[in-house]
Amino acid sequence: MTWTCSILVPLLAATITGAQAATFTVDTTTDGVDAVPGDGVCATAAGACSLRAAVQEANALEGPDTIDLPAGTYVLTLAGPAEDESASGDLDVHETLTITGAGAATTVIDGNRASGVIEAAEPGP
């Protein structure tokens, strides 16, 4: 089996379950965790909304969510132990999530040679 280290995102949807909808707009290509997952605000400690922070915020909220991903290359740079909360490594998706990019030629999620980029994961304890 061959793993792909980056994916192009014209429209990516990972489906699991949900009920309330939120939309997060990513405004940085820098990888960073959400400062307070579940507060309804996608923001790293620096105040930017990263792809990872948007996934963490979406996971913390009930229902289907959408992430708007502008053109750019989003490299997943946070290394760490395997876990299912998107704190490091791949992006773990717990519920219905739609990630909408600007087009396959302009929006790229780069796994940085990781074994995966996005994983449908069970929520943590």
N, C-alpha and C. Protein backbone atom coordinates (compact mmCIF):
# COMPACT_ATOMS: atom_id res chain seq x y z
N MET A 1 0.84 -1.17 0.00
CA MET A 1 0.00 0.00 0.00
C MET A 1 0.89 1.23 0.00
N THR A 2 0.54 2.22 -0.80
CA THR A 2 1.30 3.47 -0.88
C THR A 2 0.49 4.58 -0.23
N TRP A 3 1.13 5.35 0.66
CA TRP A 3 0.48 6.49 1.33
C TRP A 3 0.82 7.75 0.57
N THR A 4 -0.14 8.63 0.44
CA THR A 4 0.09 9.92 -0.19
C THR A 4 0.38 10.95 0.88
N CYS A 5 1.42 11.74 0.68
CA CYS A 5 1.83 12.72 1.69
C CYS A 5 1.14 14.06 1.53
N SER A 6 0.51 14.31 0.43
CA SER A 6 -0.25 15.54 0.28
C SER A 6 -1.49 15.24 -0.54
N ILE A 7 -2.51 16.07 -0.35
CA ILE A 7 -3.73 15.90 -1.13
C ILE A 7 -4.15 17.24 -1.70
N LEU A 8 -4.82 17.21 -2.81
CA LEU A 8 -5.38 18.42 -3.40
C LEU A 8 -6.82 18.52 -2.93
N VAL A 9 -7.29 19.72 -2.64
CA VAL A 9 -8.60 19.87 -2.03
C VAL A 9 -9.53 20.76 -2.84
N PRO A 10 -10.14 20.27 -3.91
CA PRO A 10 -11.20 21.04 -4.53
C PRO A 10 -12.45 20.96 -3.66
N LEU A 11 -12.73 19.79 -3.14
CA LEU A 11 -13.81 19.57 -2.19
C LEU A 11 -13.53 18.24 -1.52
N LEU A 12 -13.41 18.27 -0.21
CA LEU A 12 -13.13 17.06 0.55
C LEU A 12 -14.19 16.94 1.62
N ALA A 13 -14.81 15.78 1.72
CA ALA A 13 -15.81 15.59 2.77
C ALA A 13 -15.54 14.29 3.50
N ALA A 14 -15.52 14.36 4.81
CA ALA A 14 -15.40 13.18 5.66
C ALA A 14 -16.70 13.11 6.45
N THR A 15 -17.42 12.01 6.32
CA THR A 15 -18.73 11.92 6.94
C THR A 15 -18.74 10.96 8.11
N ILE A 16 -19.30 11.45 9.24
CA ILE A 16 -19.49 10.57 10.39
C ILE A 16 -20.90 10.81 10.98
N THR A 17 -21.19 11.89 11.73
CA THR A 17 -22.53 12.21 12.24
C THR A 17 -22.66 13.69 12.60
N GLY A 18 -23.86 14.19 12.97
CA GLY A 18 -23.96 15.56 13.43
C GLY A 18 -25.33 16.20 13.38
N ALA A 19 -25.47 17.53 13.85
CA ALA A 19 -26.75 18.22 13.88
C ALA A 19 -26.68 19.74 13.73
N GLN A 20 -25.78 20.50 14.36
CA GLN A 20 -25.64 21.96 14.27
C GLN A 20 -24.48 22.30 13.34
N ALA A 21 -24.63 23.32 12.54
CA ALA A 21 -23.59 23.65 11.56
C ALA A 21 -22.81 24.90 11.96
N ALA A 22 -21.50 24.85 11.77
CA ALA A 22 -20.62 26.01 11.95
C ALA A 22 -19.70 26.08 10.74
N THR A 23 -19.27 27.28 10.39
CA THR A 23 -18.32 27.47 9.30
C THR A 23 -17.10 28.20 9.83
N PHE A 24 -15.92 27.66 9.54
CA PHE A 24 -14.65 28.26 9.95
C PHE A 24 -13.87 28.61 8.69
N THR A 25 -13.32 29.81 8.64
CA THR A 25 -12.51 30.24 7.50
C THR A 25 -11.06 30.32 7.94
N VAL A 26 -10.23 29.48 7.33
CA VAL A 26 -8.80 29.44 7.65
C VAL A 26 -8.15 30.70 7.09
N ASP A 27 -7.27 31.33 7.90
CA ASP A 27 -6.61 32.56 7.44
C ASP A 27 -5.09 32.51 7.56
N THR A 28 -4.54 31.31 7.76
CA THR A 28 -3.09 31.14 7.79
C THR A 28 -2.73 29.77 7.25
N THR A 29 -1.59 29.66 6.59
CA THR A 29 -1.11 28.36 6.14
C THR A 29 -0.23 27.71 7.21
N THR A 30 0.07 28.44 8.28
CA THR A 30 0.89 27.92 9.36
C THR A 30 0.10 26.89 10.17
N ASP A 31 0.74 25.78 10.53
CA ASP A 31 0.10 24.74 11.32
C ASP A 31 0.10 25.14 12.80
N GLY A 32 -1.03 25.05 13.46
CA GLY A 32 -1.11 25.39 14.88
C GLY A 32 -2.40 24.87 15.49
N VAL A 33 -2.35 24.54 16.79
CA VAL A 33 -3.52 24.01 17.49
C VAL A 33 -4.45 25.14 17.92
N ASP A 34 -5.72 24.79 18.13
CA ASP A 34 -6.71 25.75 18.61
C ASP A 34 -6.44 26.06 20.08
N ALA A 35 -6.49 27.33 20.45
CA ALA A 35 -6.20 27.74 21.83
C ALA A 35 -7.23 27.21 22.82
N VAL A 36 -8.51 27.23 22.43
CA VAL A 36 -9.59 26.78 23.33
C VAL A 36 -10.63 26.01 22.51
N PRO A 37 -10.38 24.73 22.22
CA PRO A 37 -11.35 23.96 21.44
C PRO A 37 -12.72 23.93 22.13
N GLY A 38 -13.76 24.21 21.34
CA GLY A 38 -15.11 24.16 21.86
C GLY A 38 -15.70 25.51 22.21
N ASP A 39 -14.91 26.59 22.10
CA ASP A 39 -15.44 27.92 22.42
C ASP A 39 -16.14 28.56 21.22
N GLY A 40 -16.16 27.85 20.08
CA GLY A 40 -16.81 28.38 18.88
C GLY A 40 -15.95 29.32 18.07
N VAL A 41 -14.70 29.54 18.51
CA VAL A 41 -13.78 30.45 17.82
C VAL A 41 -12.57 29.66 17.35
N CYS A 42 -12.30 29.70 16.06
CA CYS A 42 -11.10 29.07 15.52
C CYS A 42 -9.96 30.05 15.68
N ALA A 43 -9.07 29.78 16.64
CA ALA A 43 -7.94 30.70 16.88
C ALA A 43 -6.82 29.97 17.59
N THR A 44 -5.63 30.08 17.03
CA THR A 44 -4.43 29.57 17.70
C THR A 44 -4.05 30.58 18.78
N ALA A 45 -2.99 30.29 19.54
CA ALA A 45 -2.51 31.24 20.56
C ALA A 45 -2.14 32.58 19.93
N ALA A 46 -1.73 32.55 18.65
CA ALA A 46 -1.37 33.78 17.94
C ALA A 46 -2.59 34.50 17.36
N GLY A 47 -3.78 33.89 17.48
CA GLY A 47 -5.00 34.53 17.00
C GLY A 47 -5.40 34.19 15.58
N ALA A 48 -4.62 33.36 14.91
CA ALA A 48 -4.93 32.97 13.53
C ALA A 48 -5.80 31.71 13.52
N CYS A 49 -6.55 31.52 12.45
CA CYS A 49 -7.34 30.30 12.28
C CYS A 49 -6.60 29.38 11.33
N SER A 50 -5.92 28.37 11.87
CA SER A 50 -5.20 27.40 11.05
C SER A 50 -6.13 26.26 10.67
N LEU A 51 -5.74 25.47 9.70
CA LEU A 51 -6.52 24.29 9.31
C LEU A 51 -6.67 23.36 10.50
N ARG A 52 -5.59 23.10 11.23
CA ARG A 52 -5.63 22.19 12.39
C ARG A 52 -6.58 22.75 13.46
N ALA A 53 -6.50 24.05 13.74
CA ALA A 53 -7.37 24.67 14.74
C ALA A 53 -8.84 24.57 14.31
N ALA A 54 -9.11 24.75 13.03
CA ALA A 54 -10.48 24.65 12.52
C ALA A 54 -11.01 23.23 12.69
N VAL A 55 -10.18 22.22 12.41
CA VAL A 55 -10.60 20.82 12.60
C VAL A 55 -10.86 20.56 14.08
N GLN A 56 -9.98 21.03 14.96
CA GLN A 56 -10.18 20.82 16.40
C GLN A 56 -11.47 21.50 16.88
N GLU A 57 -11.72 22.70 16.41
CA GLU A 57 -12.93 23.42 16.82
C GLU A 57 -14.17 22.69 16.29
N ALA A 58 -14.13 22.24 15.04
CA ALA A 58 -15.25 21.49 14.47
C ALA A 58 -15.50 20.21 15.26
N ASN A 59 -14.44 19.52 15.66
CA ASN A 59 -14.58 18.29 16.43
C ASN A 59 -15.23 18.55 17.79
N ALA A 60 -14.96 19.70 18.38
CA ALA A 60 -15.47 20.01 19.71
C ALA A 60 -16.94 20.43 19.71
N LEU A 61 -17.46 20.80 18.55
CA LEU A 61 -18.84 21.25 18.44
C LEU A 61 -19.72 20.14 17.89
N GLU A 62 -20.99 20.14 18.28
CA GLU A 62 -21.94 19.16 17.76
C GLU A 62 -22.35 19.53 16.34
N GLY A 63 -22.61 18.54 15.53
CA GLY A 63 -23.18 18.75 14.23
C GLY A 63 -22.19 18.88 13.10
N PRO A 64 -22.72 18.93 11.86
CA PRO A 64 -21.87 19.05 10.68
C PRO A 64 -21.27 20.44 10.59
N ASP A 65 -20.03 20.51 10.16
CA ASP A 65 -19.33 21.79 10.07
C ASP A 65 -18.67 21.91 8.71
N THR A 66 -18.28 23.15 8.37
CA THR A 66 -17.60 23.43 7.11
C THR A 66 -16.34 24.23 7.41
N ILE A 67 -15.28 23.89 6.71
CA ILE A 67 -14.04 24.66 6.77
C ILE A 67 -13.78 25.21 5.37
N ASP A 68 -13.69 26.54 5.27
CA ASP A 68 -13.32 27.19 4.01
C ASP A 68 -11.81 27.35 4.01
N LEU A 69 -11.17 26.78 3.00
CA LEU A 69 -9.72 26.74 2.92
C LEU A 69 -9.27 27.52 1.68
N PRO A 70 -8.76 28.75 1.86
CA PRO A 70 -8.31 29.55 0.72
C PRO A 70 -7.13 28.90 -0.01
N ALA A 71 -6.81 29.43 -1.16
CA ALA A 71 -5.66 28.93 -1.93
C ALA A 71 -4.40 29.00 -1.07
N GLY A 72 -3.57 27.99 -1.20
CA GLY A 72 -2.31 27.94 -0.46
C GLY A 72 -1.90 26.51 -0.22
N THR A 73 -0.71 26.34 0.33
CA THR A 73 -0.22 25.01 0.71
C THR A 73 -0.19 24.96 2.22
N TYR A 74 -0.91 24.02 2.78
CA TYR A 74 -1.05 23.84 4.22
C TYR A 74 -0.25 22.62 4.63
N VAL A 75 0.94 22.84 5.18
CA VAL A 75 1.83 21.75 5.57
C VAL A 75 1.58 21.41 7.03
N LEU A 76 1.30 20.13 7.31
CA LEU A 76 1.08 19.67 8.68
C LEU A 76 2.45 19.45 9.32
N THR A 77 2.89 20.40 10.14
CA THR A 77 4.26 20.38 10.67
C THR A 77 4.36 19.92 12.11
N LEU A 78 3.23 19.81 12.82
CA LEU A 78 3.29 19.45 14.24
C LEU A 78 3.45 17.94 14.40
N ALA A 79 4.64 17.52 14.80
CA ALA A 79 4.92 16.10 15.01
C ALA A 79 4.62 15.74 16.46
N GLY A 80 4.33 14.49 16.70
CA GLY A 80 4.07 14.04 18.06
C GLY A 80 3.55 12.62 18.05
N PRO A 81 3.18 12.13 19.22
CA PRO A 81 2.69 10.75 19.32
C PRO A 81 1.33 10.61 18.63
N ALA A 82 1.01 9.39 18.24
CA ALA A 82 -0.29 9.13 17.63
C ALA A 82 -1.39 9.42 18.64
N GLU A 83 -2.38 10.21 18.24
CA GLU A 83 -3.52 10.54 19.08
C GLU A 83 -4.69 10.85 18.15
N ASP A 84 -5.88 11.00 18.70
CA ASP A 84 -7.07 11.22 17.89
C ASP A 84 -7.74 12.57 18.11
N GLU A 85 -6.97 13.58 18.53
CA GLU A 85 -7.53 14.90 18.80
C GLU A 85 -6.94 15.99 17.90
N SER A 86 -6.18 15.61 16.88
CA SER A 86 -5.56 16.54 15.93
C SER A 86 -4.53 17.47 16.56
N ALA A 87 -3.98 17.09 17.72
CA ALA A 87 -2.97 17.92 18.37
C ALA A 87 -1.62 17.84 17.66
N SER A 88 -1.40 16.75 16.94
CA SER A 88 -0.16 16.58 16.18
C SER A 88 -0.40 15.56 15.08
N GLY A 89 0.53 15.51 14.13
CA GLY A 89 0.42 14.53 13.05
C GLY A 89 -0.76 14.82 12.14
N ASP A 90 -1.52 13.75 11.81
CA ASP A 90 -2.64 13.90 10.88
C ASP A 90 -3.80 14.65 11.53
N LEU A 91 -4.78 14.98 10.70
CA LEU A 91 -5.99 15.67 11.17
C LEU A 91 -7.06 14.62 11.41
N ASP A 92 -7.53 14.52 12.65
CA ASP A 92 -8.53 13.53 13.04
C ASP A 92 -9.91 14.17 13.01
N VAL A 93 -10.81 13.60 12.22
CA VAL A 93 -12.15 14.14 12.05
C VAL A 93 -13.13 13.24 12.79
N HIS A 94 -13.96 13.83 13.67
CA HIS A 94 -14.87 13.05 14.51
C HIS A 94 -16.32 13.08 14.05
N GLU A 95 -16.72 14.08 13.29
CA GLU A 95 -18.11 14.22 12.85
C GLU A 95 -18.14 14.64 11.39
N THR A 96 -19.34 14.93 10.89
CA THR A 96 -19.48 15.37 9.51
C THR A 96 -18.71 16.68 9.31
N LEU A 97 -17.82 16.68 8.35
CA LEU A 97 -16.99 17.85 8.09
C LEU A 97 -16.79 18.00 6.59
N THR A 98 -17.05 19.19 6.07
CA THR A 98 -16.78 19.49 4.67
C THR A 98 -15.66 20.52 4.63
N ILE A 99 -14.60 20.20 3.91
CA ILE A 99 -13.49 21.13 3.71
C ILE A 99 -13.56 21.56 2.25
N THR A 100 -13.76 22.86 2.03
CA THR A 100 -13.89 23.39 0.67
C THR A 100 -12.68 24.24 0.35
N GLY A 101 -11.93 23.82 -0.66
CA GLY A 101 -10.74 24.55 -1.09
C GLY A 101 -11.04 25.45 -2.27
N ALA A 102 -10.03 26.18 -2.71
CA ALA A 102 -10.16 27.11 -3.83
C ALA A 102 -9.98 26.42 -5.18
N GLY A 103 -9.63 25.15 -5.18
CA GLY A 103 -9.44 24.40 -6.40
C GLY A 103 -8.24 23.47 -6.28
N ALA A 104 -8.26 22.39 -7.04
CA ALA A 104 -7.22 21.37 -6.95
C ALA A 104 -5.83 21.91 -7.29
N ALA A 105 -5.76 22.90 -8.14
CA ALA A 105 -4.46 23.44 -8.54
C ALA A 105 -3.91 24.45 -7.54
N THR A 106 -4.78 24.96 -6.65
CA THR A 106 -4.34 26.05 -5.77
C THR A 106 -4.43 25.78 -4.28
N THR A 107 -5.15 24.74 -3.87
CA THR A 107 -5.28 24.43 -2.44
C THR A 107 -4.72 23.04 -2.19
N VAL A 108 -3.67 22.96 -1.37
CA VAL A 108 -2.98 21.69 -1.11
C VAL A 108 -2.82 21.50 0.39
N ILE A 109 -3.17 20.31 0.88
CA ILE A 109 -2.86 19.91 2.25
C ILE A 109 -1.71 18.92 2.14
N ASP A 110 -0.56 19.29 2.68
CA ASP A 110 0.66 18.49 2.59
C ASP A 110 0.89 17.79 3.93
N GLY A 111 0.88 16.47 3.93
CA GLY A 111 1.07 15.68 5.14
C GLY A 111 2.48 15.65 5.65
N ASN A 112 3.41 16.27 4.95
CA ASN A 112 4.79 16.37 5.42
C ASN A 112 5.40 14.98 5.66
N ARG A 113 5.14 14.08 4.72
CA ARG A 113 5.65 12.71 4.75
C ARG A 113 5.07 11.85 5.86
N ALA A 114 3.96 12.26 6.44
CA ALA A 114 3.31 11.45 7.47
C ALA A 114 2.60 10.27 6.82
N SER A 115 2.19 9.31 7.62
CA SER A 115 1.51 8.13 7.10
C SER A 115 0.09 8.44 6.65
N GLY A 116 -0.43 9.58 7.04
CA GLY A 116 -1.77 9.97 6.64
C GLY A 116 -1.94 11.48 6.75
N VAL A 117 -3.02 11.99 6.19
CA VAL A 117 -3.28 13.43 6.24
C VAL A 117 -4.56 13.68 7.04
N ILE A 118 -5.64 12.99 6.69
CA ILE A 118 -6.91 13.12 7.39
C ILE A 118 -7.38 11.73 7.77
N GLU A 119 -7.82 11.58 9.02
CA GLU A 119 -8.28 10.29 9.52
C GLU A 119 -9.67 10.46 10.13
N ALA A 120 -10.60 9.58 9.74
CA ALA A 120 -11.90 9.54 10.41
C ALA A 120 -11.67 8.82 11.72
N ALA A 121 -11.82 9.54 12.84
CA ALA A 121 -11.46 9.00 14.15
C ALA A 121 -12.63 9.06 15.11
N GLU A 122 -12.65 8.14 16.06
CA GLU A 122 -13.62 8.19 17.15
C GLU A 122 -13.21 9.30 18.11
N PRO A 123 -14.18 10.02 18.67
CA PRO A 123 -13.83 11.06 19.65
C PRO A 123 -13.12 10.46 20.86
N GLY A 124 -12.24 11.26 21.45
CA GLY A 124 -11.51 10.82 22.64
C GLY A 124 -12.41 10.81 23.86
N PRO A 125 -11.87 10.42 25.01
CA PRO A 125 -12.67 10.31 26.24
C PRO A 125 -13.23 11.63 26.71
